[in-house]
Protein backbone atom coordinates (compact mmCIF):
# COMPACT_ATOMS: atom_id res chain seq x y z
CA UNK A 1 169.99 201.79 174.36
CA UNK A 2 173.39 200.09 174.33
CA UNK A 3 174.87 202.09 171.44
CA UNK A 4 177.71 203.59 173.48
CA UNK A 5 178.73 200.14 174.62
CA UNK A 6 178.78 198.89 171.05
CA UNK A 7 180.72 201.92 169.82
CA UNK A 8 183.33 201.65 172.57
CA UNK A 9 183.88 197.92 172.12
CA UNK A 10 184.03 198.23 168.32
CA UNK A 11 186.57 201.06 168.56
CA UNK A 12 188.77 199.20 171.03
CA UNK A 13 188.80 196.13 168.80
CA UNK A 14 189.52 198.27 165.73
CA UNK A 15 192.50 199.74 167.60
CA UNK A 16 193.61 196.20 168.47
CA UNK A 17 193.67 197.03 172.18
CA UNK A 18 191.20 194.40 173.33
CA UNK A 19 194.05 192.51 175.00
CA UNK A 20 194.23 195.34 177.53
CA UNK A 21 190.50 195.22 178.13
CA UNK A 22 190.75 191.46 178.68
CA UNK A 23 193.75 191.75 180.98
CA UNK A 24 192.02 192.65 184.23
CA UNK A 25 192.64 191.01 187.61
CA UNK A 26 190.21 189.05 189.77
CA UNK A 27 190.39 188.54 193.51
CA UNK A 28 188.02 186.80 195.90
CA UNK A 29 187.20 187.17 199.58
CA UNK A 30 185.10 184.22 200.76
CA UNK A 31 183.51 184.11 204.20
CA UNK A 32 182.50 180.89 205.95
CA UNK A 33 181.52 180.11 209.51
CA UNK A 34 183.40 177.40 211.34
CA UNK A 35 180.80 175.05 212.79
CA UNK A 36 180.91 171.83 214.79
CA UNK A 37 179.60 168.54 213.44
CA UNK A 38 176.18 169.44 214.78
CA UNK A 39 176.17 172.61 212.67
CA UNK A 40 176.41 175.03 215.59
CA UNK A 41 178.84 177.96 215.54
CA UNK A 42 182.26 176.95 216.83
CA UNK A 43 183.20 178.28 220.24
CA UNK A 44 186.88 177.60 219.63
CA UNK A 45 189.16 180.59 219.00
CA UNK A 46 190.61 181.19 215.57
CA UNK A 47 192.99 178.24 215.09
CA UNK A 48 196.57 179.20 215.97
CA UNK A 49 197.76 176.96 213.14
CA UNK A 50 196.17 179.39 210.68
CA UNK A 51 198.39 182.21 211.89
CA UNK A 52 197.44 185.72 212.92
CA UNK A 53 194.01 186.92 211.83
CA UNK A 54 195.45 190.45 212.04
CA UNK A 55 198.25 189.95 209.53
CA UNK A 56 197.81 186.75 207.48
CA UNK A 57 197.08 187.98 203.93
CA UNK A 58 195.16 184.83 202.95
CA UNK A 59 193.33 183.63 206.08
CA UNK A 60 191.67 186.03 208.49
CA UNK A 61 188.37 186.52 210.30
CA UNK A 62 185.48 188.87 209.69
CA UNK A 63 183.07 189.77 212.49
CA UNK A 64 183.39 186.64 214.60
CA UNK A 65 186.25 184.42 215.74
CA UNK A 66 184.31 181.69 213.98
CA UNK A 67 183.75 183.60 210.72
CA UNK A 68 186.71 182.77 208.51
CA UNK A 69 187.59 184.95 205.54
CA UNK A 70 189.70 183.35 202.82
CA UNK A 71 191.40 185.81 200.48
CA UNK A 72 193.07 185.35 197.12
CA UNK A 73 195.52 187.91 195.74
CA UNK A 74 194.51 189.67 192.50
CA UNK A 75 195.16 187.19 189.70
CA UNK A 76 194.64 187.07 185.95
CA UNK A 77 192.16 184.47 184.85
CA UNK A 78 189.28 182.54 186.32
CA UNK A 79 191.16 179.25 186.63
CA UNK A 80 194.10 180.75 188.52
CA UNK A 81 191.78 182.53 190.96
CA UNK A 82 189.70 179.46 191.74
CA UNK A 83 192.77 177.24 192.04
CA UNK A 84 194.27 179.58 194.65
CA UNK A 85 190.99 179.68 196.57
CA UNK A 86 190.81 175.89 196.50
CA UNK A 87 194.31 175.62 197.93
CA UNK A 88 193.44 177.95 200.80
CA UNK A 89 190.41 175.79 201.59
CA UNK A 90 192.50 172.63 201.55
CA UNK A 91 195.14 174.18 203.80
CA UNK A 92 192.48 175.39 206.25
CA UNK A 93 190.88 171.96 206.46
CA UNK A 94 194.21 170.42 207.46
CA UNK A 95 194.40 172.94 210.34
CA UNK A 96 190.86 172.83 211.75
CA UNK A 97 190.36 171.13 215.09
CA UNK A 98 187.62 169.13 216.84
CA UNK A 99 186.20 167.86 213.56
CA UNK A 100 184.99 171.32 212.54
CA UNK A 101 183.82 172.16 209.04
CA UNK A 102 183.01 175.25 207.02
CA UNK A 103 179.34 176.22 206.74
CA UNK A 104 178.87 176.75 203.02
CA UNK A 105 175.61 178.72 203.17
CA UNK A 106 175.32 182.49 203.51
CA UNK A 107 172.67 182.37 206.23
CA UNK A 108 173.74 180.86 209.55
CA UNK A 109 171.87 178.78 212.07
CA UNK A 110 172.36 180.35 215.50
CA UNK A 111 170.57 177.85 217.69
CA UNK A 112 172.15 179.06 220.93
CA UNK A 113 171.42 182.74 220.26
CA UNK A 114 173.71 185.77 220.16
CA UNK A 115 175.65 184.61 223.20
CA UNK A 116 177.11 181.84 221.02
CA UNK A 117 178.70 184.34 218.59
CA UNK A 118 182.26 185.19 219.73
CA UNK A 119 183.58 188.54 218.49
CA UNK A 120 186.86 188.35 216.57
CA UNK A 121 190.06 188.99 218.52
CA UNK A 122 193.22 190.43 216.98
CA UNK A 123 195.74 190.57 219.80
CA UNK A 124 196.89 193.29 222.17
CA UNK A 125 198.13 195.94 219.75
CA UNK A 126 196.25 199.19 219.39
CA UNK A 127 195.35 198.26 215.82
CA UNK A 128 194.13 194.82 216.87
CA UNK A 129 192.09 196.26 219.73
CA UNK A 130 190.56 198.81 217.37
CA UNK A 131 189.35 196.07 215.03
CA UNK A 132 187.75 194.21 217.93
CA UNK A 133 186.10 197.32 219.40
CA UNK A 134 184.72 198.18 215.96
CA UNK A 135 183.09 194.76 215.80
CA UNK A 136 181.80 195.09 219.33
CA UNK A 137 180.15 198.32 218.23
CA UNK A 138 178.51 196.57 215.28
CA UNK A 139 177.01 194.07 217.70
CA UNK A 140 175.54 196.82 219.88
CA UNK A 141 174.23 198.72 216.87
CA UNK A 142 172.80 195.99 214.67
CA UNK A 143 172.90 192.81 216.72
CA UNK A 144 175.37 189.98 216.37
CA UNK A 145 173.10 187.84 214.22
CA UNK A 146 173.41 190.14 211.22
CA UNK A 147 177.20 190.12 211.43
CA UNK A 148 177.64 186.38 210.84
CA UNK A 149 175.87 186.37 207.48
CA UNK A 150 178.48 185.23 204.96
CA UNK A 151 179.10 186.04 201.31
CA UNK A 152 181.69 186.23 198.57
CA UNK A 153 183.28 189.52 197.55
CA UNK A 154 184.35 189.70 193.90
CA UNK A 155 187.23 192.13 193.39
CA UNK A 156 187.98 193.36 189.89
CA UNK A 157 190.51 195.74 188.41
CA UNK A 158 191.09 196.80 184.83
CA UNK A 159 194.61 196.38 183.50
CA UNK A 160 196.64 199.47 184.46
CA UNK A 161 197.83 200.02 180.89
CA UNK A 162 194.26 200.19 179.61
CA UNK A 163 193.54 203.54 181.24
CA UNK A 164 196.05 205.68 179.33
CA UNK A 165 194.82 204.21 176.05
CA UNK A 166 191.15 204.61 177.01
CA UNK A 167 191.62 208.23 178.04
CA UNK A 168 193.03 208.98 174.59
CA UNK A 169 190.31 206.87 172.95
CA UNK A 170 187.61 208.96 174.67
CA UNK A 171 189.53 212.18 173.97
CA UNK A 172 189.62 213.12 177.66
CA UNK A 173 192.11 215.58 179.09
CA UNK A 174 191.79 214.89 182.82
CA UNK A 175 194.79 213.66 184.82
CA UNK A 176 195.06 209.90 184.53
CA UNK A 177 194.24 209.22 188.18
CA UNK A 178 191.12 211.37 188.02
CA UNK A 179 190.05 209.83 184.72
CA UNK A 180 190.53 206.32 186.08
CA UNK A 181 188.49 207.04 189.20
CA UNK A 182 185.72 208.66 187.15
CA UNK A 183 185.51 205.59 184.94
CA UNK A 184 185.41 203.27 187.94
CA UNK A 185 182.59 205.32 189.46
CA UNK A 186 180.69 205.03 186.19
CA UNK A 187 181.20 201.28 186.44
CA UNK A 188 179.87 201.36 190.03
CA UNK A 189 176.74 203.29 189.05
CA UNK A 190 175.96 200.70 186.38
CA UNK A 191 176.56 197.89 188.86
CA UNK A 192 173.89 199.53 190.98
CA UNK A 193 171.50 200.05 188.05
CA UNK A 194 171.78 196.46 186.96
CA UNK A 195 172.65 194.89 190.31
CA UNK A 196 169.25 193.24 190.57
CA UNK A 197 170.47 190.87 187.86
CA UNK A 198 173.12 189.46 190.23
CA UNK A 199 170.42 188.88 192.85
CA UNK A 200 168.27 186.97 190.37
CA UNK A 201 171.01 184.91 188.73
CA UNK A 202 173.17 184.07 191.76
CA UNK A 203 171.02 184.62 194.84
CA UNK A 204 171.20 181.51 197.02
CA UNK A 205 169.40 182.40 200.25
CA UNK A 206 165.65 181.98 199.64
CA UNK A 207 165.21 180.29 203.03
CA UNK A 208 166.62 180.80 206.53
CA UNK A 209 166.73 178.94 209.82
CA UNK A 210 164.06 179.98 212.31
CA UNK A 211 166.77 180.46 214.93
CA UNK A 212 168.17 183.37 212.92
CA UNK A 213 165.03 185.40 213.52
CA UNK A 214 164.50 184.03 217.04
CA UNK A 215 161.25 182.48 215.89
CA UNK A 216 159.69 185.72 214.60
CA UNK A 217 158.82 185.28 210.94
CA UNK A 218 157.99 188.87 210.04
CA UNK A 219 156.94 188.86 206.38
CA UNK A 220 158.38 185.39 205.75
CA UNK A 221 156.36 182.22 205.33
CA UNK A 222 156.70 178.88 207.07
CA UNK A 223 158.55 176.23 205.05
CA UNK A 224 158.56 173.64 207.84
CA UNK A 225 158.97 173.59 211.61
CA UNK A 226 162.59 174.81 211.38
CA UNK A 227 162.63 177.09 208.34
CA UNK A 228 161.18 180.34 207.02
CA UNK A 229 161.24 181.29 203.36
CA UNK A 230 159.59 183.26 200.57
CA UNK A 231 158.45 181.19 197.58
CA UNK A 232 159.91 183.55 194.94
CA UNK A 233 162.89 184.87 196.95
CA UNK A 234 166.39 184.83 195.52
CA UNK A 235 168.57 186.35 198.25
CA UNK A 236 167.06 187.12 201.64
CA UNK A 237 170.62 187.98 202.68
CA UNK A 238 170.38 191.09 200.52
CA UNK A 239 166.80 191.83 201.55
CA UNK A 240 165.21 193.22 204.66
CA UNK A 241 166.42 190.44 206.95
CA UNK A 242 170.06 191.03 205.99
CA UNK A 243 172.59 193.56 207.23
CA UNK A 244 171.70 197.12 206.20
CA UNK A 245 172.44 200.63 207.46
CA UNK A 246 168.88 201.68 208.18
CA UNK A 247 170.03 204.26 210.71
CA UNK A 248 171.99 206.14 208.04
CA UNK A 249 168.94 206.35 205.79
CA UNK A 250 166.82 207.62 208.67
CA UNK A 251 169.47 210.24 209.39
CA UNK A 252 169.61 211.39 205.80
CA UNK A 253 173.11 210.09 205.14
CA UNK A 254 173.55 208.00 202.01
CA UNK A 255 176.66 207.53 199.95
CA UNK A 256 176.74 209.47 196.69
CA UNK A 257 178.43 207.87 193.69
CA UNK A 258 178.54 210.92 191.42
CA UNK A 259 182.32 211.08 191.83
CA UNK A 260 185.09 210.05 194.18
CA UNK A 261 184.93 213.45 195.91
CA UNK A 262 181.19 213.14 196.53
CA UNK A 263 181.62 209.61 197.84
CA UNK A 264 184.41 210.46 200.27
CA UNK A 265 182.58 213.56 201.48
CA UNK A 266 179.40 211.61 202.26
CA UNK A 267 181.21 208.94 204.25
CA UNK A 268 183.33 211.50 206.07
CA UNK A 269 180.19 213.36 207.15
CA UNK A 270 178.66 210.13 208.43
CA UNK A 271 181.80 209.31 210.41
CA UNK A 272 181.79 212.77 211.99
CA UNK A 273 178.05 213.20 212.63
CA UNK A 274 176.82 212.10 216.12
CA UNK A 275 173.85 209.75 216.38
CA UNK A 276 171.59 210.12 219.42
CA UNK A 277 170.66 206.45 219.49
CA UNK A 278 174.28 205.34 219.44
CA UNK A 279 175.16 207.88 222.12
CA UNK A 280 172.78 205.97 224.42
CA UNK A 281 174.97 202.88 224.00
CA UNK A 282 177.96 204.72 225.36
CA UNK A 283 181.50 204.69 224.01
CA UNK A 284 183.69 203.82 226.98
CA UNK A 285 181.66 202.31 229.80
CA UNK A 286 183.25 201.10 233.06
CA UNK A 287 186.66 201.20 231.41
CA UNK A 288 185.65 199.12 228.35
CA UNK A 289 185.02 200.45 224.86
CA UNK A 290 181.61 199.45 223.50
CA UNK A 291 182.19 201.17 220.16
CA UNK A 292 184.80 203.39 218.56
CA UNK A 293 182.52 206.43 218.70
CA UNK A 294 178.84 207.33 218.81
CA UNK A 295 178.64 208.70 215.26
CA UNK A 296 176.45 207.45 212.42
CA UNK A 297 179.39 205.38 211.21
CA UNK A 298 182.29 204.33 213.40
CA UNK A 299 184.51 204.03 210.31
CA UNK A 300 183.96 203.89 206.55
CA UNK A 301 183.63 200.13 206.33
CA UNK A 302 180.51 200.18 208.47
CA UNK A 303 178.60 201.62 205.52
CA UNK A 304 177.05 198.59 203.87
CA UNK A 305 176.72 198.72 200.10
CA UNK A 306 176.56 196.23 197.27
CA UNK A 307 179.73 197.62 195.73
CA UNK A 308 182.69 199.64 197.00
CA UNK A 309 185.51 201.57 195.31
CA UNK A 310 188.81 200.39 196.78
CA UNK A 311 192.42 201.47 197.03
CA UNK A 312 194.96 199.27 198.90
CA UNK A 313 195.93 200.81 202.21
CA UNK A 314 199.42 201.86 203.25
CA UNK A 315 200.41 201.34 206.87
CA UNK A 316 197.58 202.58 209.10
CA UNK A 317 195.71 204.55 206.49
CA UNK A 318 192.01 205.40 206.39
CA UNK A 319 190.17 204.02 203.33
CA UNK A 320 188.78 207.49 202.51
CA UNK A 321 192.28 208.97 202.64
CA UNK A 322 193.63 206.26 200.33
CA UNK A 323 190.88 206.99 197.80
CA UNK A 324 191.37 210.75 198.02
CA UNK A 325 195.11 210.53 197.53
CA UNK A 326 195.56 207.71 195.02
CA UNK A 327 192.14 207.18 193.48
CA UNK A 328 190.31 203.94 192.80
CA UNK A 329 192.38 200.85 192.02
CA UNK A 330 189.71 198.16 192.02
CA UNK A 331 186.01 197.45 192.58
CA UNK A 332 184.61 195.20 195.28
CA UNK A 333 181.24 193.61 194.42
CA UNK A 334 179.63 192.48 197.68
CA UNK A 335 176.21 191.16 196.66
CA UNK A 336 177.15 187.52 196.02
CA UNK A 337 175.67 184.82 198.23
CA UNK A 338 177.71 181.72 198.90
CA UNK A 339 176.92 179.24 196.16
CA UNK A 340 175.89 176.20 198.20
CA UNK A 341 176.18 173.97 195.15
CA UNK A 342 179.92 174.62 194.77
CA UNK A 343 182.63 173.51 197.25
CA UNK A 344 184.36 176.90 197.02
CA UNK A 345 181.17 178.93 197.38
CA UNK A 346 181.54 180.32 193.87
CA UNK A 347 181.86 178.63 190.48
CA UNK A 348 183.90 179.20 187.34
CA UNK A 349 180.67 179.94 185.47
CA UNK A 350 179.90 182.76 187.88
CA UNK A 351 183.38 184.26 187.57
CA UNK A 352 183.32 184.16 183.77
CA UNK A 353 180.00 185.96 183.79
CA UNK A 354 181.01 188.51 186.42
CA UNK A 355 184.18 189.52 184.60
CA UNK A 356 182.19 190.10 181.41
CA UNK A 357 179.54 191.96 183.40
CA UNK A 358 182.19 194.28 184.85
CA UNK A 359 183.43 195.16 181.36
CA UNK A 360 179.85 195.71 180.21
CA UNK A 361 179.27 198.14 183.10
CA UNK A 362 182.52 199.95 182.29
CA UNK A 363 181.82 200.48 178.58
CA UNK A 364 178.09 201.16 178.87
CA UNK A 365 176.84 204.72 179.29
CA UNK A 366 176.56 205.60 182.99
CA UNK A 367 174.92 208.95 183.77
CA UNK A 368 174.59 210.32 187.30
CA UNK A 369 171.90 208.59 189.36
CA UNK A 370 169.32 211.21 190.38
CA UNK A 371 166.84 210.92 193.27
CA UNK A 372 164.15 209.25 191.17
CA UNK A 373 166.52 206.66 189.76
CA UNK A 374 168.01 206.05 193.22
CA UNK A 375 164.55 205.18 194.47
CA UNK A 376 164.07 202.87 191.48
CA UNK A 377 167.44 201.17 192.04
CA UNK A 378 166.66 200.48 195.70
CA UNK A 379 163.16 199.27 194.85
CA UNK A 380 164.41 196.98 192.09
CA UNK A 381 166.96 195.38 194.40
CA UNK A 382 164.35 194.78 197.08
CA UNK A 383 161.92 193.24 194.60
CA UNK A 384 164.61 191.02 193.08
CA UNK A 385 165.70 189.84 196.52
CA UNK A 386 162.25 189.01 197.87
CA UNK A 387 160.22 188.20 194.74
CA UNK A 388 162.72 187.91 191.91
CA UNK A 389 161.37 184.65 190.46
CA UNK A 390 157.75 185.79 190.46
CA UNK A 391 156.83 186.17 186.75
CA UNK A 392 154.38 188.94 187.65
CA UNK A 393 157.09 191.20 189.10
CA UNK A 394 157.93 194.38 187.22
CA UNK A 395 161.00 196.53 187.78
CA UNK A 396 161.20 200.29 187.41
CA UNK A 397 163.20 201.66 184.47
CA UNK A 398 163.12 205.25 183.23
CA UNK A 399 159.63 205.88 184.55
CA UNK A 400 158.15 202.69 183.11
CA UNK A 401 157.73 199.10 184.26
CA UNK A 402 159.57 196.16 182.72
CA UNK A 403 159.77 192.46 183.54
CA UNK A 404 162.95 190.84 184.79
CA UNK A 405 162.80 188.49 181.81
CA UNK A 406 162.65 191.28 179.24
CA UNK A 407 165.27 193.52 180.85
CA UNK A 408 167.52 190.60 181.68
CA UNK A 409 167.37 189.29 178.12
CA UNK A 410 168.33 192.74 176.82
CA UNK A 411 171.34 192.97 179.12
CA UNK A 412 172.59 189.49 178.34
CA UNK A 413 172.21 190.06 174.61
CA UNK A 414 174.25 193.27 174.91
CA UNK A 415 176.97 191.31 176.74
CA UNK A 416 177.40 188.75 173.97
CA UNK A 417 180.09 190.64 171.97
CA UNK A 418 182.09 191.12 175.18
CA UNK A 419 182.00 187.40 175.91
CA UNK A 420 183.06 186.59 172.35
CA UNK A 421 185.96 189.03 172.63
CA UNK A 422 187.07 187.56 175.98
CA UNK A 423 186.87 184.00 174.64
CA UNK A 424 189.03 184.96 171.66
CA UNK A 425 191.59 186.77 173.81
CA UNK A 426 191.86 183.96 176.36
CA UNK A 427 191.42 181.00 174.03
CA UNK A 428 188.41 179.60 175.85
CA UNK A 429 184.68 179.15 175.44
CA UNK A 430 184.02 179.82 179.11
CA UNK A 431 182.58 183.32 178.78
CA UNK A 432 180.06 182.53 176.05
CA UNK A 433 179.08 179.30 177.78
CA UNK A 434 178.53 181.15 181.05
CA UNK A 435 176.43 183.75 179.28
CA UNK A 436 174.25 181.09 177.66
CA UNK A 437 173.71 179.48 181.05
CA UNK A 438 172.40 182.79 182.39
CA UNK A 439 170.23 183.30 179.30
CA UNK A 440 168.60 179.97 180.12
CA UNK A 441 168.11 181.03 183.76
CA UNK A 442 166.45 184.28 182.70
CA UNK A 443 164.10 182.31 180.49
CA UNK A 444 163.47 179.61 183.12
CA UNK A 445 163.73 180.70 186.77
CA UNK A 446 163.77 177.08 187.97
CA UNK A 447 167.43 176.98 186.86
CA UNK A 448 168.51 179.65 189.35
CA UNK A 449 170.32 178.56 192.54
CA UNK A 450 167.51 179.87 194.75
CA UNK A 451 164.89 177.80 192.92
CA UNK A 452 167.12 174.73 192.89
CA UNK A 453 167.60 175.01 196.65
CA UNK A 454 163.89 175.17 197.39
CA UNK A 455 163.08 172.41 194.91
CA UNK A 456 165.63 170.08 196.49
CA UNK A 457 164.51 170.96 200.02
CA UNK A 458 160.92 170.15 199.04
CA UNK A 459 161.89 166.92 197.30
CA UNK A 460 163.99 165.69 200.25
CA UNK A 461 161.65 167.11 202.89
CA UNK A 462 164.63 168.97 204.38
CA UNK A 463 164.64 172.22 206.26
CA UNK A 464 167.31 174.83 205.63
CA UNK A 465 169.57 173.48 208.37
CA UNK A 466 169.51 169.88 207.12
CA UNK A 467 170.00 170.93 203.52
CA UNK A 468 172.92 173.26 204.27
CA UNK A 469 174.56 170.84 206.68
CA UNK A 470 174.42 168.02 204.15
CA UNK A 471 176.03 170.09 201.43
CA UNK A 472 178.69 171.53 203.77
CA UNK A 473 179.78 168.02 204.81
CA UNK A 474 179.76 166.87 201.18
CA UNK A 475 181.97 169.79 200.15
CA UNK A 476 184.36 169.10 203.01
CA UNK A 477 184.77 165.52 201.82
CA UNK A 478 185.34 166.67 198.26
CA UNK A 479 187.96 169.25 199.22
CA UNK A 480 189.76 166.82 201.50
CA UNK A 481 189.81 164.07 198.88
CA UNK A 482 192.99 165.56 197.41
CA UNK A 483 196.02 166.94 199.20
CA UNK A 484 198.16 169.99 198.70
CA UNK A 485 201.61 169.64 197.18
CA UNK A 486 204.58 170.01 199.49
CA UNK A 487 205.37 173.36 197.87
CA UNK A 488 201.86 174.66 198.55
CA UNK A 489 201.99 173.49 202.16
CA UNK A 490 205.32 175.28 202.59
CA UNK A 491 203.90 178.43 200.98
CA UNK A 492 200.92 178.75 203.30
CA UNK A 493 202.88 177.59 206.34
CA UNK A 494 205.40 180.34 205.68
CA UNK A 495 202.56 182.87 205.48
CA UNK A 496 201.29 181.61 208.85
CA UNK A 497 204.70 182.01 210.50
CA UNK A 498 205.28 185.43 208.99
CA UNK A 499 201.88 186.62 210.14
CA UNK A 500 202.60 185.62 213.74
CA UNK A 501 205.96 187.40 213.57
CA UNK A 502 204.37 190.52 212.09
CA UNK A 503 201.67 190.68 214.76
CA UNK A 504 204.32 190.51 217.48
CA UNK A 505 206.24 193.32 215.80
CA UNK A 506 203.12 195.48 215.71
CA UNK A 507 202.40 194.79 219.37
CA UNK A 508 205.90 195.63 220.62
CA UNK A 509 206.05 198.77 218.48
CA UNK A 510 203.09 200.42 220.25
CA UNK A 511 204.26 203.44 222.24
CA UNK A 512 200.97 205.15 223.07
CA UNK A 513 197.80 204.21 224.92
CA UNK A 514 194.71 202.94 223.11
CA UNK A 515 192.87 206.13 224.04
CA UNK A 516 195.58 208.21 222.39
CA UNK A 517 195.65 205.87 219.38
CA UNK A 518 191.95 206.47 218.75
CA UNK A 519 192.29 210.23 219.26
CA UNK A 520 195.10 210.29 216.71
CA UNK A 521 193.16 208.13 214.28
CA UNK A 522 190.09 210.31 214.15
CA UNK A 523 191.94 213.63 214.19
CA UNK A 524 194.43 213.01 211.40
CA UNK A 525 194.28 214.96 208.17
CA UNK A 526 194.63 213.55 204.67
CA UNK A 527 198.41 213.85 204.84
CA UNK A 528 198.59 211.46 207.80
CA UNK A 529 197.62 207.88 207.25
CA UNK A 530 195.60 205.36 209.21
CA UNK A 531 193.95 201.92 208.66
CA UNK A 532 191.46 199.55 210.24
CA UNK A 533 188.83 196.94 209.41
């Protein structure tokens, strides 16, 4: 079943090119709500001392003014990536006001309701206004609650020099850009096939605050007077209570990952196809934009998926245009909950495993996902999210049923040679140790973060809010126990100042109205470039 993986890895090692395979870059985007000491969403604007949320490359906001997003550049190595993320956290904590802290759980507590969720603001430029209107549209379409769910995005790229070698290794004659994109899309398809494994191993949202669902439990069970949960859940964030694009499914629009052309075509159709329900919301009402348009998607980034192909944007370029013109440069895995047991929301063990998992998905055979397998993939993810630790659960694979324990053990065993190779190339034991930790979690579900959360909540007689608040305060104390070096402070302070300067430059450079800006954005062809989100 994993013969192609074994053949590819053996051949690469025989050619002594494993250093290229081990030379990929990792980047992280970590979201966290700013909350007051009582755990309620901050009503303060994005701190000015963190710079411009529009242009600071390391510190921005997601949906809400209170939803911080901390971003590392692409870096080689787990240690370097986590060290950079730690420094951003430490810098942020020196700039927060009114004794605020970062909520280190994926699921928020929204005690005061949707009115307490301030939409992110990005200044008076056309680009800044577009980002805010887009978020306003998300609120109208899906509700604000769904938009303040937080997670960690794991970005991964293979070393550029690997692709020319690998094309020759596979005896492929396609242009290098096309070959690279095809390989990345194969990687994506395997991430979808096996994505349930991430839910099981790293899911950390088995319980939620009652305030999130406004007191309506739906299919969830009562944990205590403040908390709903499911006893075998791993990640409710990725389940039915999380943010999904149900309207697109109802309208028959679903991204296709057969190739980059199929993917771009599907999203373009969704951006251009009107939606009757969204037309009822209105676009510009009483002089104010409620959404960018009334189509199935306002822009590409509205399409929620567990993984996205990415190409860095140039100027004001559309993501679909960037992909069409320059292909895929990296992969963004979006299914990671915040790890409440780690101050940074993600651990070194997770990163070691995820890097090896990416290489596994790249080298493993990855045929096109047909309709039957698509249904199985979606069903497997839903089962893993809601019932993943139930030993009676069976997943669908090739028309048969298989347990998470059996399939998971197979996958982890197949990853072992990759971890050994990475350890040898990077002079560490981190990859093999991380793999063994996941082997233990497959064998014993009580070792998973979701089980540990529920066990500790039971033991301490804590609801979700008390548990999450306690850990968030503990992590704040840990991060603030050491200080940044003077050089690091200067580095991030310079980024803050440059971001403010850049935002002002963008604002003064506007020469057209916002109406015209939007018209131009949605009418441009592939040769003209545009960006948002």
